[in-house]
Protein backbone atom coordinates (compact mmCIF):
# COMPACT_ATOMS: atom_id res chain seq x y z
CA MET A 1 0.00 0.00 0.00
CA SER A 2 1.31 3.49 -0.88
CA GLU A 3 2.15 5.86 1.96
CA PHE A 4 -0.51 8.16 0.49
CA GLU A 5 -3.32 5.60 0.82
CA ALA A 6 -5.46 5.54 3.94
CA PRO A 7 -6.33 2.24 5.68
CA ALA A 8 -9.68 0.75 4.68
CA ASN A 9 -10.87 1.02 8.29
CA GLY A 10 -9.98 4.70 8.66
CA SER A 11 -10.72 6.19 12.04
CA ARG A 12 -13.55 8.57 12.89
CA ARG A 13 -10.91 11.21 13.60
CA SER A 14 -9.43 10.95 10.09
CA PHE A 15 -12.94 11.11 8.63
CA LEU A 16 -13.65 14.30 10.54
CA GLN A 17 -10.32 15.78 9.40
CA LEU A 18 -11.19 14.98 5.79
CA SER A 19 -14.66 16.48 6.23
CA ALA A 20 -13.15 19.67 7.65
CA ALA A 21 -10.71 19.84 4.74
CA ALA A 22 -13.51 19.35 2.23
CA ALA A 23 -15.49 22.13 3.91
CA ALA A 24 -12.47 24.41 3.64
CA ALA A 25 -12.18 23.58 -0.06
CA MET A 26 -15.76 24.66 -0.66
CA ALA A 27 -15.29 27.86 1.34
CA PHE A 28 -12.50 29.43 -0.68
CA ARG A 29 -12.38 31.03 -4.07
CA ILE A 30 -9.92 29.54 -6.55
CA ALA A 31 -7.42 32.12 -7.77
CA THR A 32 -6.64 32.03 -11.49
CA GLU A 33 -4.40 34.00 -13.82
CA PRO A 34 -7.33 36.16 -15.03
CA SER A 35 -8.52 36.86 -11.48
CA LEU A 36 -5.01 37.85 -10.42
CA ALA A 37 -4.61 40.08 -13.47
CA ALA A 38 -8.06 41.60 -12.99
CA ALA A 39 -7.09 42.74 -9.51
CA GLU A 40 -4.80 45.30 -11.15
CA ARG A 41 -6.58 45.80 -14.48
CA LYS A 42 -8.83 48.79 -15.06
CA PRO A 43 -11.76 48.58 -17.48
CA VAL A 44 -10.32 47.91 -20.91
CA PRO A 45 -11.58 50.23 -23.68
CA PRO A 46 -12.16 49.02 -27.24
CA GLY A 47 -9.01 48.71 -29.30
CA ALA A 48 -6.73 48.38 -26.29
CA VAL A 49 -3.55 46.31 -26.37
CA VAL A 50 -4.00 43.76 -23.58
CA ILE A 51 -0.78 41.93 -22.71
CA ASP A 52 -1.16 41.53 -18.96
CA ALA A 53 -2.60 38.05 -18.33
CA ASN A 54 -0.51 35.57 -20.39
CA GLU A 55 -3.41 35.04 -22.75
CA ASN A 56 -2.90 33.79 -26.31
CA PRO A 57 -4.30 36.36 -28.76
CA LEU A 58 -4.60 33.70 -31.47
CA GLY A 59 -7.39 31.90 -29.62
CA PRO A 60 -8.36 28.32 -30.48
CA CYS A 61 -7.12 26.87 -33.76
CA ASP A 62 -9.51 26.43 -36.69
CA ALA A 63 -10.03 22.74 -35.95
CA ALA A 64 -10.96 23.55 -32.36
CA ARG A 65 -13.39 26.26 -33.45
CA LYS A 66 -15.07 23.83 -35.83
CA ALA A 67 -15.31 21.24 -33.06
CA ILE A 68 -16.99 23.83 -30.82
CA ALA A 69 -19.52 24.71 -33.52
CA ASP A 70 -20.23 21.05 -34.27
CA ILE A 71 -20.76 20.07 -30.62
CA THR A 72 -22.86 23.08 -29.61
CA PRO A 73 -26.21 21.51 -30.62
CA GLN A 74 -25.49 18.81 -28.03
CA GLY A 75 -25.06 21.43 -25.31
CA GLY A 76 -28.15 20.18 -23.50
CA ARG A 77 -26.41 16.94 -22.53
CA TYR A 78 -23.46 16.22 -20.22
CA SER A 79 -21.77 13.89 -22.73
CA SER A 80 -19.14 12.46 -20.36
CA TRP A 81 -17.83 10.16 -23.09
CA LEU A 82 -16.26 13.19 -24.75
CA THR A 83 -13.99 13.58 -21.72
CA GLU A 84 -13.12 9.89 -21.99
CA ASP A 85 -12.14 10.50 -25.62
CA LEU A 86 -9.85 13.34 -24.54
CA VAL A 87 -8.22 11.19 -21.87
CA LYS A 88 -7.68 8.41 -24.41
CA ALA A 89 -6.14 10.80 -26.97
CA PHE A 90 -3.70 12.32 -24.47
CA THR A 91 -2.65 9.15 -22.65
CA GLU A 92 -2.10 7.17 -25.85
CA ALA A 93 0.03 9.99 -27.27
CA GLN A 94 2.11 10.17 -24.07
CA GLY A 95 2.33 6.47 -23.27
CA LEU A 96 0.34 6.78 -20.05
CA LYS A 97 -2.39 4.67 -18.52
CA PRO A 98 -5.82 6.39 -18.52
CA GLU A 99 -6.10 6.10 -14.74
CA TYR A 100 -3.07 8.40 -14.41
CA LEU A 101 -4.99 11.41 -15.76
CA ARG A 102 -7.87 13.57 -14.59
CA VAL A 103 -9.45 16.37 -16.62
CA PHE A 104 -10.49 19.63 -14.97
CA PRO A 105 -11.86 23.01 -16.14
CA GLY A 106 -8.33 24.43 -16.45
CA SER A 107 -5.29 23.62 -14.31
CA SER A 108 -6.18 26.03 -11.49
CA GLU A 109 -8.47 23.55 -9.75
CA PRO A 110 -5.94 20.71 -9.48
CA LEU A 111 -3.30 23.21 -8.37
CA HIS A 112 -5.48 24.36 -5.49
CA PHE A 113 -6.68 20.84 -4.68
CA SER A 114 -3.05 19.66 -4.52
CA VAL A 115 -2.23 22.37 -1.99
CA LEU A 116 -5.25 21.45 0.14
CA ALA A 117 -4.50 17.73 -0.10
CA PHE A 118 -0.81 17.78 0.77
CA THR A 119 -0.27 20.82 3.00
CA SER A 120 -1.49 21.63 6.49
CA PRO A 121 -0.38 23.55 9.60
CA ALA A 122 2.26 20.83 9.99
CA LYS A 123 3.23 20.54 6.31
CA SER A 124 4.46 23.67 4.53
CA TYR A 125 3.96 24.89 0.98
CA VAL A 126 7.28 25.63 -0.75
CA THR A 127 7.51 27.85 -3.83
CA ALA A 128 9.86 30.13 -5.75
CA ASP A 129 9.88 33.90 -5.37
CA PRO A 130 8.89 35.38 -7.74
CA GLY A 131 6.52 32.61 -8.71
CA TYR A 132 2.88 32.03 -9.55
CA GLU A 133 0.85 33.19 -6.55
CA ALA A 134 -2.27 31.00 -6.72
CA GLY A 135 -0.81 28.17 -4.65
CA MET A 136 0.13 30.55 -1.87
CA ARG A 137 -3.45 31.74 -1.67
CA ALA A 138 -4.66 28.15 -1.39
CA ALA A 139 -2.10 27.48 1.35
CA LYS A 140 -3.73 30.12 3.51
CA PHE A 141 -6.86 27.97 3.57
CA SER A 142 -4.98 24.80 4.45
CA GLY A 143 -3.22 26.68 7.25
CA ALA A 144 0.19 25.80 5.82
CA ARG A 145 3.33 27.79 6.37
CA ILE A 146 4.35 29.41 3.07
CA ALA A 147 8.08 29.02 2.44
CA LYS A 148 9.53 31.06 -0.43
CA ALA A 149 12.97 30.62 -1.98
CA PRO A 150 14.57 33.18 -4.35
CA LEU A 151 15.40 32.08 -7.87
CA THR A 152 18.99 31.30 -8.83
CA LYS A 153 21.18 33.83 -10.63
CA THR A 154 20.00 32.28 -13.90
CA TYR A 155 16.37 32.55 -12.71
CA SER A 156 15.59 28.85 -12.36
CA HIS A 157 14.09 27.34 -9.20
CA ASP A 158 16.81 27.04 -6.58
CA ILE A 159 16.28 23.43 -5.51
CA LYS A 160 18.87 23.59 -2.74
CA ALA A 161 17.22 26.69 -1.30
CA MET A 162 13.74 25.17 -1.57
CA LEU A 163 14.87 22.10 0.34
CA ALA A 164 16.48 24.32 2.97
CA VAL A 165 13.37 26.41 3.61
CA GLY A 166 11.03 23.40 3.52
CA PRO A 167 12.26 20.64 5.84
CA ASP A 168 8.62 20.19 6.86
CA ALA A 169 7.26 20.47 3.31
CA GLY A 170 4.05 18.81 2.23
CA LEU A 171 4.18 20.21 -1.30
CA PHE A 172 6.95 21.71 -3.46
CA TYR A 173 5.61 23.81 -6.34
CA VAL A 174 7.76 24.11 -9.47
CA CYS A 175 6.41 26.05 -12.43
CA THR A 176 8.59 25.52 -15.49
CA PRO A 177 8.79 27.66 -17.51
CA ASN A 178 8.23 29.87 -14.50
CA ASN A 179 5.40 32.35 -14.26
CA PRO A 180 6.33 35.28 -14.26
CA THR A 181 9.93 35.01 -15.49
CA GLY A 182 9.45 32.51 -18.32
CA THR A 183 12.64 30.72 -17.26
CA MET A 184 13.25 26.97 -17.09
CA THR A 185 14.07 24.61 -14.26
CA SER A 186 15.90 21.56 -15.57
CA HIS A 187 14.61 18.01 -15.48
CA PHE A 188 17.78 17.13 -13.54
CA ASP A 189 16.87 19.63 -10.81
CA ILE A 190 13.35 18.23 -10.53
CA GLU A 191 14.82 14.74 -10.20
CA ARG A 192 17.12 16.04 -7.49
CA LEU A 193 14.20 17.59 -5.64
CA LEU A 194 12.33 14.29 -5.73
CA ALA A 195 15.39 12.43 -4.49
CA GLU A 196 16.14 14.79 -1.58
CA LYS A 197 12.69 15.97 -0.48
CA PRO A 198 11.21 15.03 2.92
CA LYS A 199 9.51 11.64 3.01
CA GLY A 200 5.81 11.87 2.27
CA SER A 201 5.98 15.22 0.46
CA VAL A 202 4.91 15.71 -3.15
CA VAL A 203 6.40 17.74 -6.01
CA LEU A 204 3.86 19.62 -8.13
CA VAL A 205 5.28 20.46 -11.56
CA ASP A 206 3.22 23.07 -13.39
CA GLU A 207 3.82 22.74 -17.13
CA ALA A 208 1.29 25.35 -18.26
CA TYR A 209 3.94 26.97 -20.48
CA ILE A 210 6.05 23.92 -21.40
CA HIS A 211 5.01 23.99 -25.08
CA PHE A 212 6.62 27.40 -25.62
CA SER A 213 10.03 26.04 -24.60
CA ASP A 214 12.51 23.31 -25.44
CA GLY A 215 12.24 21.99 -21.89
CA ILE A 216 11.93 18.31 -21.01
CA SER A 217 8.60 17.36 -19.46
CA ALA A 218 8.34 15.62 -16.10
CA LEU A 219 5.79 13.12 -17.45
CA ASP A 220 8.45 10.40 -17.43
CA LEU A 221 8.62 10.80 -13.65
CA VAL A 222 4.88 10.18 -13.47
CA LYS A 223 5.35 7.01 -15.53
CA ALA A 224 8.02 5.96 -13.03
CA ASP A 225 5.46 6.29 -10.20
CA ARG A 226 7.39 9.02 -8.39
CA ASP A 227 5.82 11.40 -5.85
CA VAL A 228 5.04 13.96 -8.54
CA ILE A 229 1.94 15.58 -10.03
CA VAL A 230 2.20 17.27 -13.43
CA LEU A 231 -0.28 19.96 -14.47
CA ARG A 232 -1.12 20.76 -18.08
CA THR A 233 -3.52 23.30 -19.54
CA PHE A 234 -5.04 24.20 -22.90
CA SER A 235 -5.15 27.87 -21.88
CA LYS A 236 -1.76 28.93 -23.20
CA ILE A 237 -0.31 27.68 -26.47
CA TYR A 238 -3.68 26.17 -27.48
CA GLY A 239 -5.41 29.55 -26.93
CA MET A 240 -8.28 28.20 -24.83
CA ALA A 241 -8.02 30.29 -21.64
CA GLY A 242 -11.68 31.28 -21.84
CA LEU A 243 -12.86 27.74 -22.55
CA ARG A 244 -11.25 26.16 -19.44
CA CYS A 245 -9.67 22.75 -19.91
CA GLY A 246 -6.69 21.32 -18.06
CA MET A 247 -5.25 18.14 -16.62
CA ALA A 248 -3.56 16.63 -13.60
CA ILE A 249 -1.29 13.67 -14.36
CA ALA A 250 -0.03 11.47 -11.52
CA ARG A 251 -0.23 8.08 -9.84
CA PRO A 252 -3.86 7.09 -9.16
CA ASP A 253 -3.40 7.27 -5.37
CA LEU A 254 -2.20 10.88 -5.64
CA LEU A 255 -5.08 11.80 -7.93
CA ALA A 256 -7.50 10.25 -5.44
CA LYS A 257 -6.28 12.75 -2.85
CA LEU A 258 -7.19 15.61 -5.21
CA GLU A 259 -10.61 14.13 -5.89
CA SER A 260 -11.47 14.49 -2.19
CA TYR A 261 -11.84 18.21 -2.92
CA GLY A 262 -13.67 18.14 -6.23
CA GLY A 263 -13.25 17.64 -9.95
CA TRP A 264 -13.87 14.80 -12.38
CA GLY A 265 -17.45 15.96 -12.80
CA ALA A 266 -19.15 17.01 -16.02
CA MET A 267 -16.80 19.10 -18.15
CA PRO A 268 -17.96 21.85 -20.54
CA ILE A 269 -18.39 19.88 -23.75
CA THR A 270 -17.20 22.78 -25.92
CA ALA A 271 -13.90 22.85 -24.02
CA VAL A 272 -13.43 19.10 -24.25
CA ALA A 273 -14.25 18.99 -27.96
CA ALA A 274 -11.87 21.87 -28.67
CA ALA A 275 -9.10 20.31 -26.57
CA THR A 276 -9.40 16.95 -28.33
CA ALA A 277 -9.32 18.60 -31.76
CA SER A 278 -6.27 20.65 -30.71
CA LEU A 279 -4.38 17.55 -29.57
CA LYS A 280 -5.00 15.93 -32.93
CA HIS A 281 -3.66 18.96 -34.85
CA GLU A 282 -0.27 17.60 -35.87
CA HIS A 283 1.66 20.85 -36.33
CA LEU A 284 -0.21 23.26 -34.05
CA VAL A 285 2.18 23.32 -31.09
CA GLU A 286 5.33 23.69 -33.15
CA GLU A 287 3.85 26.40 -35.39
CA ARG A 288 2.67 28.48 -32.44
CA LYS A 289 5.89 27.90 -30.52
CA GLN A 290 7.94 29.23 -33.44
CA LEU A 291 5.65 32.23 -33.91
CA ASN A 292 5.81 33.16 -30.23
CA ALA A 293 9.59 32.74 -30.17
CA ALA A 294 10.04 34.96 -33.23
CA ILE A 295 7.91 37.79 -31.82
CA ARG A 296 9.55 37.44 -28.40
CA GLN A 297 13.03 37.60 -29.94
CA LYS A 298 12.19 40.71 -31.98
CA THR A 299 10.91 42.34 -28.80
CA PHE A 300 14.11 41.46 -26.94
CA GLU A 301 16.24 42.82 -29.79
CA TRP A 302 14.32 46.10 -29.62
CA LEU A 303 14.76 46.27 -25.84
CA ASP A 304 18.49 45.59 -26.27
CA ARG A 305 18.84 48.39 -28.82
CA GLN A 306 17.07 50.81 -26.51
CA GLY A 307 19.16 49.78 -23.50
CA TYR A 308 16.33 48.31 -21.44
CA SER A 309 16.84 45.39 -19.08
CA TYR A 310 14.68 42.26 -18.92
CA VAL A 311 14.81 38.60 -17.93
CA PRO A 312 15.39 36.34 -20.96
CA SER A 313 12.42 34.03 -21.28
CA GLU A 314 11.49 30.78 -22.99
CA SER A 315 7.78 31.37 -22.59
CA ASN A 316 5.06 33.78 -23.67
CA CYS A 317 5.91 36.30 -20.96
CA PHE A 318 8.95 38.04 -19.50
CA MET A 319 9.89 40.42 -16.69
CA LEU A 320 10.80 43.95 -17.73
CA ASP A 321 12.86 46.48 -15.77
CA THR A 322 10.84 49.71 -15.36
CA ARG A 323 13.68 51.52 -13.51
CA ARG A 324 11.23 52.88 -10.96
CA PRO A 325 8.17 51.56 -9.09
CA ALA A 326 6.48 49.43 -11.72
CA LYS A 327 2.99 50.58 -10.73
CA GLU A 328 3.79 54.02 -12.15
CA VAL A 329 4.69 52.52 -15.52
CA ILE A 330 1.66 50.21 -15.55
CA ASP A 331 -0.64 53.20 -14.98
CA ALA A 332 1.14 55.34 -17.56
CA MET A 333 0.92 52.56 -20.14
CA ALA A 334 -2.80 52.07 -19.42
CA ALA A 335 -3.31 55.77 -20.10
CA ARG A 336 -1.90 55.05 -23.56
CA ASN A 337 -4.32 52.12 -24.02
CA VAL A 338 -1.65 49.45 -23.48
CA PHE A 339 -2.31 47.18 -20.52
CA ILE A 340 0.68 45.43 -18.96
CA GLY A 341 1.40 44.00 -15.53
CA ARG A 342 1.50 42.75 -12.85
CA ILE A 343 4.04 43.28 -10.03
CA TRP A 344 5.71 40.77 -7.71
CA PRO A 345 6.64 42.42 -4.37
CA VAL A 346 10.14 40.94 -4.30
CA TRP A 347 10.91 42.74 -7.60
CA PRO A 348 9.07 46.09 -7.22
CA THR A 349 10.72 47.73 -10.24
CA TYR A 350 9.84 44.94 -12.67
CA THR A 351 6.56 44.12 -14.37
CA ARG A 352 5.48 41.13 -16.41
CA ILE A 353 4.82 41.52 -20.13
CA THR A 354 2.85 38.97 -22.15
CA VAL A 355 4.05 38.30 -25.68
CA GLY A 356 1.19 39.28 -27.98
CA THR A 357 0.95 39.57 -31.74
CA GLN A 358 3.66 41.43 -33.64
CA GLY A 359 1.35 44.42 -33.98
CA GLU A 360 0.59 44.42 -30.26
CA MET A 361 4.28 44.28 -29.37
CA GLU A 362 5.03 47.19 -31.72
CA ALA A 363 2.30 49.20 -29.98
CA PHE A 364 3.83 48.21 -26.64
CA GLN A 365 7.25 49.39 -27.79
CA SER A 366 5.96 52.80 -28.86
CA ALA A 367 4.04 53.33 -25.64
CA PHE A 368 6.86 52.09 -23.41
CA GLN A 369 9.42 54.31 -25.11
CA ALA A 370 7.20 57.34 -24.65
CA VAL A 371 6.47 56.52 -21.01
CA MET A 372 10.13 55.98 -20.17
CA LYS A 373 11.22 59.21 -21.86
CA ASN A 374 8.61 61.23 -20.00
CA ALA A 375 9.61 60.13 -16.51
CA LYS A 376 12.60 60.39 -14.23
CA THR A 377 14.38 57.31 -12.97
CA VAL A 378 14.30 56.87 -9.19
CA SER A 379 17.60 56.61 -7.41
CA TYR A 380 17.24 52.98 -6.35
CA ALA A 381 16.28 51.62 -9.78
CA PRO A 382 18.40 48.73 -11.15
CA SER A 383 21.38 49.74 -13.25
CA LEU A 384 22.20 47.87 -16.42
CA LYS A 385 25.78 47.45 -15.20
CA LYS A 386 25.21 46.70 -11.53
CA ARG A 387 22.20 44.96 -10.11
CA PRO A 388 20.82 45.55 -6.62
CA SER A 389 20.50 42.57 -4.29
CA TYR A 390 17.89 40.60 -2.43
CA PRO A 391 18.06 41.06 1.33
CA ASP A 392 20.12 37.84 1.53
CA GLY A 393 22.62 38.99 -1.08
CA GLN A 394 21.33 37.20 -4.19
CA SER A 395 21.12 39.15 -7.41
CA TRP A 396 18.09 40.86 -8.88
CA PRO A 397 17.20 40.09 -12.50
CA SER A 398 18.56 41.68 -15.64
CA ALA A 399 19.13 40.59 -19.20
CA LEU A 400 21.65 37.81 -19.54
CA SER A 401 24.24 38.47 -22.21
């Protein structure tokens, strides 16, 4: 029996603990990328450039749009077999057993359910800083201590630091490519984390942005029955953020822990149909990956020519040095109908930029140049030659050359 499986004759006390946890799950609101972005986004006027929420401006591919149109007349039925078709398509393509996958309306639900399932007042939640904030919000409901570790000097997750701050960890969260920096954490480092983590803890690998990069997926670690959960979503490269379809991939006993909090119910059939059609599109991922990379590289080349500093990314977002409190720049850009953001407290003079279409990035460049020319740089802003430090002496981000 796995250490994550409860005895068949579980005690009344454990039942009450599970009931309390389930009640907590129902009581909190799941934080998502759009909800986090909306907290800082003003009403968006028509014609605005919106590059603040890591959305894909291309939307669903043509095959997915056709699948949505074709399935819509069946919208009066739950049609659970469509989800089974999606599971079959993904697991066969990846060499997984169907029982190792669960489909959710996006990857936010399994992220939150993982935090609730594996953290508690006695088991901390360990994450990178800066990193995606949703898990930290969920940890507040589980009562877990939130342990944050700065990124390395090359902006990957610092596995050694994460292990050091989380000797009592219940869950280690690794987003690769990282949100917000777009930087990779190697497969080797994830293997090291699994090998050296506290017994009974779980590693949650969020691969929402993996398709934009050349990174190696952690799905092989799932196949090896390691203590790892991999998250995937159709929100990013597949352009389905508004349709909501995602996955958790792990050993069945780990997935069963997530199911204590919800999920595996009726999925929106339009999302499932679009996701299945997208998976079957042979060249979709590579075509969109190349397009994103080309636009991102042109943007970086422009920033280099203008002397602006940023964190090199392998994703559809990057962190940009604003040389003064980033909120001032976000507001000034919004006044020019270009919406960027948001801010991570540990890097107050940096803001995240989503890679949009070429036209959107050209509009961003014009607005950003004007904003930067019309404002004075504060005295503590990062220099291109010398970077300020974290409180513990680690470096702040800048472009790597």
